[in-house]
Amino acid sequence: MIRLVIFDGPLYVLEKTSYIGAFILMTMESASFPVPSELILPYEGYLSFLGYMNLTLVILVSTAASLLGSLIDYWIGRIAGRPLVLRIGKYLGIREQELARAEHWFNTRGKISILIARFIPGLRSIISIPAGIANMDIREFMLYTFIGSIIWITSLTVMGYYLGQKWSLISNVFKLGDTYIIIAIILATLAVIIMQVKKTRA
């Protein structure tokens, strides 16, 4: 039953509602709801491979949604503060140790942590909360969030597109949670995208 809700549920929503579903799901994921983007984004790529969605458009929609969801968490942190975040966070599945980890990341690495955390399971969405608590400049927050989000979203969506029916292999790899493996895969995907663009222009 849990698998149906967390894993199969979002895929069903995507199939039935297309871009609207993609926007809602990615907004929820970035606002700390338990929605797995490691599963959603490759599936968006697969649906684009089948012709049900446009690859470029779904990347743009998902990036906009990710930015919106991150801003929701940012403002919750900024307005509510840490005590209230912990009080309401239990309803979203946000545990104190998770928030403490995100705060440690933000406090030790600074603004760049907003970008880097996009590639790390467990930090991707919640990192926005300590940024809000610390009153990080919202323009810088949006810039780092946008850069990290579009790299993450483009990489996973394009991988799903090129893998076709084997798209689920991506989510299986990301379940390992190894940051270095994740970054290596993303860099390799970006290299392929750049080569394809150069080949198209030649």
N, C-alpha and C. Protein backbone atom coordinates (compact mmCIF):
# COMPACT_ATOMS: atom_id res chain seq x y z
N MET A 1 0.83 -1.21 0.00
CA MET A 1 0.00 0.00 0.00
C MET A 1 0.87 1.26 0.00
N ILE A 2 1.96 1.23 0.84
CA ILE A 2 2.86 2.38 0.90
C ILE A 2 3.53 2.60 -0.44
N ARG A 3 3.97 1.48 -1.07
CA ARG A 3 4.62 1.59 -2.38
C ARG A 3 3.67 2.20 -3.40
N LEU A 4 2.39 1.82 -3.35
CA LEU A 4 1.40 2.34 -4.29
C LEU A 4 1.28 3.85 -4.17
N VAL A 5 1.28 4.36 -2.94
CA VAL A 5 1.11 5.80 -2.72
C VAL A 5 2.37 6.57 -3.10
N ILE A 6 3.53 6.10 -2.61
CA ILE A 6 4.77 6.86 -2.78
C ILE A 6 5.38 6.70 -4.16
N PHE A 7 5.31 5.49 -4.73
CA PHE A 7 5.98 5.24 -5.99
C PHE A 7 5.01 5.19 -7.18
N ASP A 8 4.03 4.29 -7.12
CA ASP A 8 3.12 4.14 -8.26
C ASP A 8 2.15 5.31 -8.38
N GLY A 9 1.78 5.91 -7.25
CA GLY A 9 0.83 7.02 -7.26
C GLY A 9 1.26 8.19 -8.13
N PRO A 10 2.48 8.73 -7.92
CA PRO A 10 2.95 9.86 -8.74
C PRO A 10 3.02 9.53 -10.23
N LEU A 11 3.38 8.29 -10.56
CA LEU A 11 3.46 7.90 -11.98
C LEU A 11 2.07 7.89 -12.61
N TYR A 12 1.09 7.44 -11.84
CA TYR A 12 -0.29 7.44 -12.33
C TYR A 12 -0.77 8.87 -12.55
N VAL A 13 -0.43 9.76 -11.61
CA VAL A 13 -0.80 11.18 -11.74
C VAL A 13 -0.19 11.77 -13.00
N LEU A 14 1.08 11.47 -13.26
CA LEU A 14 1.76 11.98 -14.46
C LEU A 14 1.08 11.51 -15.73
N GLU A 15 0.75 10.23 -15.77
CA GLU A 15 0.11 9.66 -16.96
C GLU A 15 -1.23 10.33 -17.24
N LYS A 16 -1.97 10.64 -16.20
CA LYS A 16 -3.33 11.15 -16.36
C LYS A 16 -3.40 12.66 -16.51
N THR A 17 -2.45 13.38 -15.93
CA THR A 17 -2.57 14.85 -15.91
C THR A 17 -1.42 15.57 -16.60
N SER A 18 -0.44 14.84 -17.10
CA SER A 18 0.64 15.40 -17.93
C SER A 18 1.37 16.55 -17.24
N TYR A 19 1.41 17.71 -17.88
CA TYR A 19 2.20 18.84 -17.38
C TYR A 19 1.67 19.39 -16.05
N ILE A 20 0.35 19.37 -15.88
CA ILE A 20 -0.23 19.84 -14.62
C ILE A 20 0.24 18.95 -13.48
N GLY A 21 0.20 17.65 -13.72
CA GLY A 21 0.67 16.70 -12.72
C GLY A 21 2.14 16.87 -12.41
N ALA A 22 2.93 17.09 -13.46
CA ALA A 22 4.37 17.30 -13.28
C ALA A 22 4.63 18.53 -12.42
N PHE A 23 3.88 19.59 -12.67
CA PHE A 23 4.04 20.82 -11.90
C PHE A 23 3.67 20.61 -10.43
N ILE A 24 2.54 19.97 -10.20
CA ILE A 24 2.08 19.74 -8.83
C ILE A 24 3.04 18.84 -8.06
N LEU A 25 3.46 17.75 -8.69
CA LEU A 25 4.34 16.80 -8.02
C LEU A 25 5.70 17.41 -7.68
N MET A 26 6.26 18.16 -8.62
CA MET A 26 7.58 18.76 -8.38
C MET A 26 7.51 19.91 -7.38
N THR A 27 6.37 20.60 -7.35
CA THR A 27 6.17 21.62 -6.31
C THR A 27 6.13 20.97 -4.94
N MET A 28 5.40 19.88 -4.83
CA MET A 28 5.30 19.16 -3.56
C MET A 28 6.66 18.62 -3.13
N GLU A 29 7.41 18.06 -4.08
CA GLU A 29 8.73 17.49 -3.76
C GLU A 29 9.66 18.55 -3.20
N SER A 30 9.65 19.73 -3.80
CA SER A 30 10.54 20.81 -3.36
C SER A 30 10.03 21.51 -2.10
N ALA A 31 8.78 21.25 -1.74
CA ALA A 31 8.22 21.81 -0.51
C ALA A 31 8.22 20.78 0.62
N SER A 32 9.11 19.78 0.49
CA SER A 32 9.38 18.79 1.54
C SER A 32 8.32 17.71 1.70
N PHE A 33 7.40 17.58 0.75
CA PHE A 33 6.48 16.46 0.78
C PHE A 33 7.22 15.21 0.28
N PRO A 34 6.85 14.02 0.76
CA PRO A 34 7.56 12.80 0.36
C PRO A 34 7.22 12.34 -1.06
N VAL A 35 7.67 13.10 -2.02
CA VAL A 35 7.46 12.78 -3.44
C VAL A 35 8.84 12.57 -4.07
N PRO A 36 9.13 11.39 -4.62
CA PRO A 36 10.48 11.07 -5.11
C PRO A 36 10.77 11.60 -6.51
N SER A 37 11.54 12.68 -6.61
CA SER A 37 11.88 13.21 -7.94
C SER A 37 12.79 12.26 -8.70
N GLU A 38 13.53 11.38 -7.98
CA GLU A 38 14.37 10.39 -8.65
C GLU A 38 13.53 9.43 -9.49
N LEU A 39 12.26 9.33 -9.16
CA LEU A 39 11.34 8.47 -9.90
C LEU A 39 10.54 9.28 -10.92
N ILE A 40 10.09 10.45 -10.51
CA ILE A 40 9.23 11.28 -11.35
C ILE A 40 9.95 11.78 -12.61
N LEU A 41 11.15 12.33 -12.44
CA LEU A 41 11.84 12.97 -13.56
C LEU A 41 12.23 11.99 -14.67
N PRO A 42 12.81 10.81 -14.34
CA PRO A 42 13.08 9.86 -15.42
C PRO A 42 11.81 9.41 -16.13
N TYR A 43 10.71 9.31 -15.37
CA TYR A 43 9.45 8.89 -15.99
C TYR A 43 8.91 9.98 -16.91
N GLU A 44 9.14 11.24 -16.54
CA GLU A 44 8.78 12.34 -17.45
C GLU A 44 9.56 12.21 -18.75
N GLY A 45 10.84 11.85 -18.62
CA GLY A 45 11.66 11.64 -19.81
C GLY A 45 11.14 10.49 -20.66
N TYR A 46 10.72 9.43 -19.99
CA TYR A 46 10.18 8.27 -20.70
C TYR A 46 8.89 8.62 -21.43
N LEU A 47 8.02 9.38 -20.77
CA LEU A 47 6.77 9.81 -21.42
C LEU A 47 7.07 10.72 -22.61
N SER A 48 8.15 11.50 -22.51
CA SER A 48 8.57 12.33 -23.65
C SER A 48 9.09 11.45 -24.78
N PHE A 49 9.80 10.39 -24.42
CA PHE A 49 10.29 9.42 -25.40
C PHE A 49 9.13 8.78 -26.17
N LEU A 50 8.04 8.52 -25.46
CA LEU A 50 6.85 7.92 -26.08
C LEU A 50 6.04 8.93 -26.88
N GLY A 51 6.32 10.23 -26.70
CA GLY A 51 5.61 11.26 -27.43
C GLY A 51 4.44 11.87 -26.70
N TYR A 52 4.24 11.47 -25.43
CA TYR A 52 3.12 12.00 -24.66
C TYR A 52 3.41 13.40 -24.09
N MET A 53 4.69 13.72 -23.94
CA MET A 53 5.09 15.02 -23.42
C MET A 53 6.24 15.55 -24.27
N ASN A 54 6.42 16.87 -24.23
CA ASN A 54 7.55 17.49 -24.91
C ASN A 54 8.71 17.62 -23.92
N LEU A 55 9.87 17.11 -24.29
CA LEU A 55 11.00 17.05 -23.36
C LEU A 55 11.39 18.43 -22.83
N THR A 56 11.53 19.39 -23.73
CA THR A 56 11.94 20.74 -23.31
C THR A 56 10.90 21.37 -22.40
N LEU A 57 9.64 21.23 -22.77
CA LEU A 57 8.56 21.86 -22.00
C LEU A 57 8.45 21.25 -20.61
N VAL A 58 8.57 19.93 -20.52
CA VAL A 58 8.42 19.29 -19.21
C VAL A 58 9.60 19.65 -18.29
N ILE A 59 10.77 19.87 -18.86
CA ILE A 59 11.92 20.32 -18.07
C ILE A 59 11.66 21.72 -17.52
N LEU A 60 11.14 22.61 -18.36
CA LEU A 60 10.84 23.98 -17.93
C LEU A 60 9.74 24.00 -16.87
N VAL A 61 8.70 23.21 -17.08
CA VAL A 61 7.59 23.14 -16.12
C VAL A 61 8.09 22.62 -14.77
N SER A 62 8.88 21.57 -14.81
CA SER A 62 9.39 20.97 -13.57
C SER A 62 10.34 21.91 -12.84
N THR A 63 11.15 22.66 -13.59
CA THR A 63 12.07 23.61 -12.98
C THR A 63 11.31 24.74 -12.30
N ALA A 64 10.28 25.25 -12.97
CA ALA A 64 9.45 26.31 -12.38
C ALA A 64 8.77 25.81 -11.11
N ALA A 65 8.29 24.57 -11.14
CA ALA A 65 7.63 23.98 -9.98
C ALA A 65 8.62 23.79 -8.83
N SER A 66 9.83 23.36 -9.16
CA SER A 66 10.86 23.17 -8.14
C SER A 66 11.20 24.49 -7.45
N LEU A 67 11.26 25.55 -8.24
CA LEU A 67 11.55 26.87 -7.68
C LEU A 67 10.42 27.32 -6.76
N LEU A 68 9.18 27.09 -7.19
CA LEU A 68 8.02 27.47 -6.37
C LEU A 68 8.01 26.71 -5.05
N GLY A 69 8.20 25.39 -5.12
CA GLY A 69 8.21 24.59 -3.90
C GLY A 69 9.31 24.99 -2.94
N SER A 70 10.48 25.31 -3.49
CA SER A 70 11.60 25.75 -2.66
C SER A 70 11.30 27.08 -1.98
N LEU A 71 10.62 27.97 -2.71
CA LEU A 71 10.24 29.26 -2.13
C LEU A 71 9.24 29.10 -1.00
N ILE A 72 8.36 28.11 -1.12
CA ILE A 72 7.40 27.84 -0.05
C ILE A 72 8.14 27.47 1.23
N ASP A 73 9.10 26.55 1.10
CA ASP A 73 9.90 26.15 2.27
C ASP A 73 10.74 27.31 2.80
N TYR A 74 11.28 28.10 1.88
CA TYR A 74 12.10 29.25 2.28
C TYR A 74 11.28 30.21 3.14
N TRP A 75 10.08 30.54 2.70
CA TRP A 75 9.25 31.49 3.43
C TRP A 75 8.72 30.90 4.73
N ILE A 76 8.49 29.59 4.75
CA ILE A 76 8.10 28.94 6.01
C ILE A 76 9.20 29.12 7.05
N GLY A 77 10.45 28.87 6.61
CA GLY A 77 11.58 29.04 7.51
C GLY A 77 11.78 30.48 7.93
N ARG A 78 11.60 31.38 7.00
CA ARG A 78 11.85 32.80 7.27
C ARG A 78 10.79 33.40 8.18
N ILE A 79 9.54 33.05 7.95
CA ILE A 79 8.44 33.64 8.72
C ILE A 79 8.21 32.90 10.05
N ALA A 80 8.21 31.57 9.97
CA ALA A 80 7.86 30.78 11.16
C ALA A 80 9.02 30.61 12.13
N GLY A 81 10.24 30.48 11.61
CA GLY A 81 11.38 30.22 12.49
C GLY A 81 11.49 28.75 12.85
N ARG A 82 12.58 28.38 13.47
CA ARG A 82 12.88 26.97 13.73
C ARG A 82 11.85 26.26 14.62
N PRO A 83 11.43 26.84 15.75
CA PRO A 83 10.50 26.12 16.63
C PRO A 83 9.19 25.75 15.93
N LEU A 84 8.62 26.69 15.19
CA LEU A 84 7.35 26.42 14.52
C LEU A 84 7.54 25.46 13.36
N VAL A 85 8.69 25.55 12.69
CA VAL A 85 9.00 24.62 11.59
C VAL A 85 8.99 23.19 12.11
N LEU A 86 9.61 22.97 13.26
CA LEU A 86 9.65 21.63 13.85
C LEU A 86 8.26 21.17 14.26
N ARG A 87 7.43 22.12 14.70
CA ARG A 87 6.08 21.77 15.15
C ARG A 87 5.21 21.34 13.98
N ILE A 88 5.27 22.08 12.87
CA ILE A 88 4.44 21.73 11.72
C ILE A 88 5.13 20.70 10.83
N GLY A 89 6.45 20.59 10.97
CA GLY A 89 7.21 19.68 10.11
C GLY A 89 6.87 18.23 10.33
N LYS A 90 6.42 17.89 11.53
CA LYS A 90 6.10 16.49 11.81
C LYS A 90 4.94 16.00 10.94
N TYR A 91 4.10 16.93 10.49
CA TYR A 91 2.99 16.55 9.62
C TYR A 91 3.46 16.33 8.18
N LEU A 92 4.65 16.83 7.86
CA LEU A 92 5.23 16.65 6.52
C LEU A 92 6.31 15.58 6.52
N GLY A 93 6.55 14.99 7.68
CA GLY A 93 7.59 13.98 7.77
C GLY A 93 8.98 14.55 7.98
N ILE A 94 9.07 15.84 8.36
CA ILE A 94 10.37 16.47 8.61
C ILE A 94 10.77 16.22 10.06
N ARG A 95 11.84 15.48 10.25
CA ARG A 95 12.32 15.17 11.59
C ARG A 95 13.40 16.17 12.01
N GLU A 96 13.55 16.31 13.32
CA GLU A 96 14.50 17.31 13.85
C GLU A 96 15.92 17.03 13.38
N GLN A 97 16.30 15.74 13.31
CA GLN A 97 17.66 15.42 12.88
C GLN A 97 17.89 15.76 11.41
N GLU A 98 16.84 15.66 10.60
CA GLU A 98 16.95 16.03 9.19
C GLU A 98 17.15 17.53 9.04
N LEU A 99 16.39 18.30 9.82
CA LEU A 99 16.53 19.75 9.78
C LEU A 99 17.91 20.16 10.31
N ALA A 100 18.36 19.48 11.36
CA ALA A 100 19.68 19.79 11.93
C ALA A 100 20.78 19.52 10.91
N ARG A 101 20.64 18.44 10.16
CA ARG A 101 21.62 18.11 9.11
C ARG A 101 21.65 19.19 8.04
N ALA A 102 20.45 19.63 7.62
CA ALA A 102 20.36 20.68 6.60
C ALA A 102 20.94 21.99 7.11
N GLU A 103 20.68 22.30 8.38
CA GLU A 103 21.22 23.52 8.98
C GLU A 103 22.74 23.46 9.04
N HIS A 104 23.27 22.29 9.39
CA HIS A 104 24.73 22.12 9.44
C HIS A 104 25.34 22.33 8.06
N TRP A 105 24.70 21.76 7.05
CA TRP A 105 25.17 21.94 5.67
C TRP A 105 25.18 23.41 5.29
N PHE A 106 24.10 24.09 5.58
CA PHE A 106 23.99 25.50 5.21
C PHE A 106 24.98 26.36 5.98
N ASN A 107 25.12 26.09 7.26
CA ASN A 107 26.00 26.91 8.11
C ASN A 107 27.48 26.71 7.79
N THR A 108 27.85 25.49 7.38
CA THR A 108 29.26 25.20 7.12
C THR A 108 29.67 25.49 5.68
N ARG A 109 28.74 25.37 4.75
CA ARG A 109 29.08 25.55 3.33
C ARG A 109 28.56 26.86 2.75
N GLY A 110 27.67 27.51 3.44
CA GLY A 110 27.17 28.79 2.97
C GLY A 110 26.18 28.68 1.82
N LYS A 111 26.13 29.72 1.02
CA LYS A 111 25.12 29.83 -0.03
C LYS A 111 25.21 28.72 -1.07
N ILE A 112 26.44 28.26 -1.38
CA ILE A 112 26.61 27.25 -2.41
C ILE A 112 25.93 25.94 -2.02
N SER A 113 25.64 25.76 -0.72
CA SER A 113 24.97 24.54 -0.26
C SER A 113 23.58 24.42 -0.88
N ILE A 114 22.95 25.55 -1.20
CA ILE A 114 21.63 25.54 -1.82
C ILE A 114 21.69 24.85 -3.18
N LEU A 115 22.77 25.09 -3.90
CA LEU A 115 22.96 24.48 -5.22
C LEU A 115 23.35 23.01 -5.08
N ILE A 116 24.36 22.73 -4.27
CA ILE A 116 24.89 21.37 -4.14
C ILE A 116 23.85 20.41 -3.58
N ALA A 117 23.05 20.88 -2.64
CA ALA A 117 22.07 20.01 -1.98
C ALA A 117 21.02 19.47 -2.95
N ARG A 118 20.86 20.10 -4.09
CA ARG A 118 19.89 19.62 -5.09
C ARG A 118 20.21 18.21 -5.55
N PHE A 119 21.46 17.80 -5.41
CA PHE A 119 21.88 16.49 -5.90
C PHE A 119 21.99 15.45 -4.79
N ILE A 120 21.59 15.81 -3.59
CA ILE A 120 21.77 14.93 -2.44
C ILE A 120 20.42 14.52 -1.85
N PRO A 121 20.10 13.23 -1.88
CA PRO A 121 18.84 12.75 -1.29
C PRO A 121 18.75 13.13 0.19
N GLY A 122 17.59 13.58 0.60
CA GLY A 122 17.39 13.95 1.99
C GLY A 122 17.69 15.41 2.29
N LEU A 123 18.41 16.07 1.38
CA LEU A 123 18.72 17.49 1.58
C LEU A 123 18.08 18.37 0.52
N ARG A 124 17.72 17.76 -0.60
CA ARG A 124 17.30 18.51 -1.78
C ARG A 124 16.23 19.56 -1.48
N SER A 125 15.20 19.18 -0.79
CA SER A 125 14.11 20.13 -0.54
C SER A 125 14.26 20.85 0.79
N ILE A 126 14.68 20.12 1.82
CA ILE A 126 14.69 20.69 3.17
C ILE A 126 15.75 21.78 3.34
N ILE A 127 16.75 21.83 2.46
CA ILE A 127 17.81 22.84 2.57
C ILE A 127 17.24 24.26 2.46
N SER A 128 16.07 24.40 1.84
CA SER A 128 15.46 25.72 1.69
C SER A 128 15.02 26.31 3.02
N ILE A 129 14.69 25.44 3.97
CA ILE A 129 14.19 25.91 5.27
C ILE A 129 15.27 26.65 6.06
N PRO A 130 16.47 26.07 6.25
CA PRO A 130 17.51 26.84 6.97
C PRO A 130 17.93 28.11 6.24
N ALA A 131 17.80 28.12 4.91
CA ALA A 131 18.08 29.35 4.16
C ALA A 131 17.10 30.44 4.55
N GLY A 132 15.84 30.06 4.74
CA GLY A 132 14.84 31.02 5.18
C GLY A 132 15.05 31.45 6.61
N ILE A 133 15.37 30.48 7.48
CA ILE A 133 15.61 30.80 8.88
C ILE A 133 16.77 31.78 9.02
N ALA A 134 17.80 31.63 8.15
CA ALA A 134 18.98 32.50 8.20
C ALA A 134 18.76 33.82 7.46
N ASN A 135 17.55 34.02 6.92
CA ASN A 135 17.24 35.24 6.17
C ASN A 135 18.19 35.46 4.98
N MET A 136 18.51 34.38 4.29
CA MET A 136 19.35 34.49 3.10
C MET A 136 18.68 35.40 2.08
N ASP A 137 19.46 36.22 1.40
CA ASP A 137 18.92 37.12 0.38
C ASP A 137 18.11 36.30 -0.63
N ILE A 138 16.87 36.68 -0.84
CA ILE A 138 15.97 35.86 -1.65
C ILE A 138 16.41 35.78 -3.11
N ARG A 139 17.05 36.84 -3.62
CA ARG A 139 17.51 36.80 -5.01
C ARG A 139 18.63 35.78 -5.18
N GLU A 140 19.54 35.75 -4.22
CA GLU A 140 20.62 34.75 -4.27
C GLU A 140 20.06 33.35 -4.08
N PHE A 141 19.09 33.23 -3.18
CA PHE A 141 18.46 31.93 -2.95
C PHE A 141 17.83 31.41 -4.23
N MET A 142 17.08 32.26 -4.92
CA MET A 142 16.42 31.86 -6.16
C MET A 142 17.43 31.50 -7.25
N LEU A 143 18.53 32.24 -7.31
CA LEU A 143 19.55 31.98 -8.32
C LEU A 143 20.18 30.61 -8.11
N TYR A 144 20.64 30.34 -6.89
CA TYR A 144 21.27 29.05 -6.60
C TYR A 144 20.28 27.90 -6.75
N THR A 145 19.05 28.13 -6.33
CA THR A 145 18.01 27.10 -6.45
C THR A 145 17.73 26.80 -7.92
N PHE A 146 17.63 27.85 -8.72
CA PHE A 146 17.35 27.67 -10.15
C PHE A 146 18.46 26.88 -10.83
N ILE A 147 19.71 27.27 -10.57
CA ILE A 147 20.84 26.59 -11.22
C ILE A 147 20.89 25.11 -10.82
N GLY A 148 20.78 24.85 -9.52
CA GLY A 148 20.81 23.46 -9.06
C GLY A 148 19.64 22.66 -9.58
N SER A 149 18.46 23.27 -9.58
CA SER A 149 17.24 22.57 -10.01
C SER A 149 17.28 22.22 -11.49
N ILE A 150 17.69 23.16 -12.32
CA ILE A 150 17.64 22.90 -13.76
C ILE A 150 18.69 21.86 -14.17
N ILE A 151 19.82 21.83 -13.47
CA ILE A 151 20.82 20.79 -13.75
C ILE A 151 20.29 19.42 -13.34
N TRP A 152 19.74 19.34 -12.14
CA TRP A 152 19.19 18.09 -11.62
C TRP A 152 18.04 17.59 -12.50
N ILE A 153 17.11 18.46 -12.80
CA ILE A 153 15.92 18.08 -13.56
C ILE A 153 16.27 17.71 -14.99
N THR A 154 17.11 18.51 -15.63
CA THR A 154 17.50 18.21 -17.01
C THR A 154 18.22 16.87 -17.09
N SER A 155 19.13 16.62 -16.17
CA SER A 155 19.91 15.38 -16.19
C SER A 155 19.02 14.15 -16.07
N LEU A 156 18.15 14.13 -15.08
CA LEU A 156 17.32 12.95 -14.86
C LEU A 156 16.27 12.77 -15.95
N THR A 157 15.72 13.88 -16.43
CA THR A 157 14.70 13.79 -17.48
C THR A 157 15.31 13.31 -18.79
N VAL A 158 16.47 13.84 -19.14
CA VAL A 158 17.15 13.43 -20.37
C VAL A 158 17.59 11.97 -20.28
N MET A 159 18.06 11.54 -19.11
CA MET A 159 18.43 10.14 -18.93
C MET A 159 17.22 9.23 -19.15
N GLY A 160 16.08 9.62 -18.60
CA GLY A 160 14.87 8.84 -18.80
C GLY A 160 14.46 8.78 -20.25
N TYR A 161 14.67 9.89 -20.96
CA TYR A 161 14.33 9.96 -22.39
C TYR A 161 15.19 8.99 -23.20
N TYR A 162 16.49 8.99 -22.96
CA TYR A 162 17.39 8.16 -23.76
C TYR A 162 17.37 6.69 -23.36
N LEU A 163 17.02 6.41 -22.11
CA LEU A 163 16.93 5.02 -21.68
C LEU A 163 15.62 4.37 -22.12
N GLY A 164 14.62 5.19 -22.41
CA GLY A 164 13.35 4.64 -22.88
C GLY A 164 12.71 3.71 -21.86
N GLN A 165 12.41 2.49 -22.27
CA GLN A 165 11.72 1.55 -21.39
C GLN A 165 12.55 1.13 -20.18
N LYS A 166 13.84 1.41 -20.22
CA LYS A 166 14.71 1.07 -19.09
C LYS A 166 14.89 2.26 -18.13
N TRP A 167 13.99 3.22 -18.21
CA TRP A 167 14.10 4.45 -17.41
C TRP A 167 14.21 4.17 -15.91
N SER A 168 13.58 3.08 -15.44
CA SER A 168 13.55 2.81 -14.00
C SER A 168 14.93 2.46 -13.44
N LEU A 169 15.88 2.15 -14.32
CA LEU A 169 17.25 1.87 -13.87
C LEU A 169 17.82 3.07 -13.12
N ILE A 170 17.42 4.26 -13.55
CA ILE A 170 17.95 5.49 -12.95
C ILE A 170 17.56 5.59 -11.49
N SER A 171 16.27 5.38 -11.21
CA SER A 171 15.81 5.50 -9.83
C SER A 171 16.46 4.45 -8.94
N ASN A 172 16.74 3.26 -9.51
CA ASN A 172 17.40 2.21 -8.74
C ASN A 172 18.81 2.62 -8.34
N VAL A 173 19.53 3.28 -9.25
CA VAL A 173 20.88 3.75 -8.97
C VAL A 173 20.85 4.84 -7.89
N PHE A 174 19.90 5.75 -8.02
CA PHE A 174 19.85 6.87 -7.08
C PHE A 174 19.40 6.44 -5.69
N LYS A 175 18.76 5.29 -5.60
CA LYS A 175 18.36 4.78 -4.28
C LYS A 175 19.57 4.41 -3.43
N LEU A 176 20.72 4.18 -4.09
CA LEU A 176 21.94 3.87 -3.35
C LEU A 176 22.37 5.03 -2.47
N GLY A 177 22.01 6.25 -2.91
CA GLY A 177 22.28 7.44 -2.10
C GLY A 177 23.73 7.88 -2.06
N ASP A 178 24.58 7.35 -2.94
CA ASP A 178 25.99 7.74 -2.97
C ASP A 178 26.13 9.06 -3.73
N THR A 179 26.52 10.11 -3.03
CA THR A 179 26.61 11.44 -3.63
C THR A 179 27.56 11.48 -4.80
N TYR A 180 28.70 10.79 -4.67
CA TYR A 180 29.71 10.83 -5.74
C TYR A 180 29.21 10.14 -7.01
N ILE A 181 28.49 9.03 -6.83
CA ILE A 181 27.92 8.33 -7.99
C ILE A 181 26.89 9.22 -8.67
N ILE A 182 26.06 9.86 -7.87
CA ILE A 182 25.02 10.73 -8.40
C ILE A 182 25.63 11.87 -9.21
N ILE A 183 26.63 12.54 -8.65
CA ILE A 183 27.27 13.66 -9.34
C ILE A 183 27.97 13.19 -10.61
N ALA A 184 28.62 12.01 -10.55
CA ALA A 184 29.30 11.48 -11.74
C ALA A 184 28.31 11.21 -12.87
N ILE A 185 27.16 10.64 -12.52
CA ILE A 185 26.14 10.35 -13.53
C ILE A 185 25.61 11.65 -14.13
N ILE A 186 25.38 12.64 -13.29
CA ILE A 186 24.87 13.92 -13.77
C ILE A 186 25.87 14.59 -14.70
N LEU A 187 27.15 14.59 -14.32
CA LEU A 187 28.19 15.19 -15.16
C LEU A 187 28.30 14.48 -16.50
N ALA A 188 28.20 13.15 -16.47
CA ALA A 188 28.26 12.38 -17.72
C ALA A 188 27.08 12.71 -18.62
N THR A 189 25.91 12.85 -18.01
CA THR A 189 24.72 13.20 -18.79
C THR A 189 24.84 14.59 -19.40
N LEU A 190 25.34 15.54 -18.62
CA LEU A 190 25.53 16.89 -19.14
C LEU A 190 26.53 16.90 -20.29
N ALA A 191 27.57 16.07 -20.19
CA ALA A 191 28.56 15.98 -21.27
C ALA A 191 27.91 15.47 -22.56
N VAL A 192 27.03 14.48 -22.42
CA VAL A 192 26.32 13.94 -23.58
C VAL A 192 25.41 15.00 -24.19
N ILE A 193 24.71 15.75 -23.34
CA ILE A 193 23.82 16.81 -23.82
C ILE A 193 24.61 17.85 -24.60
N ILE A 194 25.75 18.27 -24.06
CA ILE A 194 26.59 19.29 -24.72
C ILE A 194 27.08 18.79 -26.07
N MET A 195 27.50 17.52 -26.13
CA MET A 195 27.97 16.95 -27.39
C MET A 195 26.86 16.88 -28.43
N GLN A 196 25.65 16.54 -27.96
CA GLN A 196 24.50 16.48 -28.87
C GLN A 196 24.17 17.86 -29.43
N VAL A 197 24.25 18.88 -28.57
CA VAL A 197 23.98 20.25 -29.01
C VAL A 197 25.00 20.70 -30.04
N LYS A 198 26.28 20.40 -29.78
CA LYS A 198 27.34 20.77 -30.72
C LYS A 198 27.17 20.05 -32.05
N LYS A 199 26.78 18.77 -31.98
CA LYS A 199 26.58 17.99 -33.19
C LYS A 199 25.42 18.55 -34.02
N THR A 200 24.38 19.00 -33.33
CA THR A 200 23.21 19.58 -34.02
C THR A 200 23.56 20.88 -34.72
N ARG A 201 24.42 21.69 -34.07
CA ARG A 201 24.80 22.98 -34.64
C ARG A 201 25.81 22.86 -35.77
N ALA A 202 26.53 21.74 -35.79
CA ALA A 202 27.59 21.57 -36.80
C ALA A 202 27.02 21.36 -38.20
